[in-house]
Amino acid sequence: MAERHEALITLEENAIMGGAGSGVNEVLMAHRKVVPVLNIGLPDFFIPQGTQDEARAELGLDAAGIEAKIKDWLA
């Protein structure tokens, strides 16, 4: 898949560090595939309490936040 795309984006509702996106990065490096990767997920700090919708919005993991992160990264 990496050879057919200019970039990859991973999205998970879990910690970025040690998460699925990190696994993708490790596989790419093990196979010496140089492809830009944007890993989107939970940051490595305490997440304030609230509903899932509130937490996603605050962390930029709602639809608008994800779209903004991808657009900024691709710019």
Protein backbone atom coordinates (compact mmCIF):
# COMPACT_ATOMS: atom_id res chain seq x y z
CA MET A 1 0.00 0.00 0.00
CA ALA A 2 2.79 2.43 0.86
CA GLU A 3 4.22 2.19 -2.64
CA ARG A 4 0.90 3.24 -4.20
CA HIS A 5 0.41 6.40 -2.10
CA GLU A 6 2.35 9.61 -1.57
CA ALA A 7 1.45 9.70 2.13
CA LEU A 8 -0.37 7.67 4.76
CA ILE A 9 -2.65 8.82 7.57
CA THR A 10 -3.50 6.70 10.58
CA LEU A 11 -6.43 7.51 12.85
CA GLU A 12 -7.12 5.86 16.16
CA GLU A 13 -9.04 6.57 19.32
CA ASN A 14 -6.12 5.48 21.42
CA ALA A 15 -2.70 6.82 22.38
CA ILE A 16 -0.47 7.67 19.43
CA MET A 17 2.67 6.54 21.28
CA GLY A 18 2.76 2.77 21.10
CA GLY A 19 -0.51 2.62 19.18
CA ALA A 20 -1.52 1.28 15.79
CA GLY A 21 0.01 4.26 13.98
CA SER A 22 3.34 3.57 15.64
CA GLY A 23 3.06 0.00 14.39
CA VAL A 24 2.56 1.27 10.85
CA ASN A 25 5.66 3.47 11.22
CA GLU A 26 7.70 0.49 12.47
CA VAL A 27 6.65 -1.73 9.56
CA LEU A 28 7.47 1.00 7.04
CA MET A 29 10.93 1.50 8.53
CA ALA A 30 11.59 -2.25 8.74
CA HIS A 31 10.88 -2.48 5.00
CA ARG A 32 12.80 0.74 4.25
CA LYS A 33 9.71 2.45 2.82
CA VAL A 34 10.10 6.20 3.05
CA VAL A 35 6.54 7.50 3.09
CA PRO A 36 5.31 10.51 5.08
CA VAL A 37 2.89 9.37 7.79
CA LEU A 38 0.51 11.49 9.85
CA ASN A 39 -0.52 9.71 13.05
CA ILE A 40 -3.72 11.09 14.56
CA GLY A 41 -4.86 9.90 17.97
CA LEU A 42 -4.84 10.68 21.67
CA PRO A 43 -1.89 12.73 22.95
CA ASP A 44 0.33 11.44 25.75
CA PHE A 45 -1.13 13.53 28.58
CA PHE A 46 -4.09 13.45 30.95
CA ILE A 47 -7.37 13.77 29.06
CA PRO A 48 -9.84 16.05 30.89
CA GLN A 49 -13.13 14.47 31.91
CA GLY A 50 -16.26 14.95 29.82
CA THR A 51 -18.42 13.15 27.33
CA GLN A 52 -16.75 11.41 24.41
CA ASP A 53 -18.00 14.15 22.08
CA GLU A 54 -16.58 16.87 24.35
CA ALA A 55 -13.21 15.14 24.66
CA ARG A 56 -12.97 14.51 20.91
CA ALA A 57 -13.79 18.15 20.13
CA GLU A 58 -11.27 19.45 22.68
CA LEU A 59 -8.52 17.21 21.29
CA GLY A 60 -9.34 17.87 17.64
CA LEU A 61 -10.53 14.30 17.12
CA ASP A 62 -14.00 15.19 15.93
CA ALA A 63 -14.73 15.37 12.19
CA ALA A 64 -13.82 19.06 11.92
CA GLY A 65 -10.63 18.63 13.93
CA ILE A 66 -9.48 15.62 11.93
CA GLU A 67 -10.15 17.44 8.67
CA ALA A 68 -8.19 20.48 9.90
CA LYS A 69 -5.21 18.34 11.01
CA ILE A 70 -5.05 16.60 7.65
CA LYS A 71 -5.39 19.83 5.65
CA ASP A 72 -2.69 21.54 7.73
CA TRP A 73 -0.36 18.57 7.33
CA LEU A 74 -0.87 18.34 3.57
CA ALA A 75 -0.42 22.10 3.04
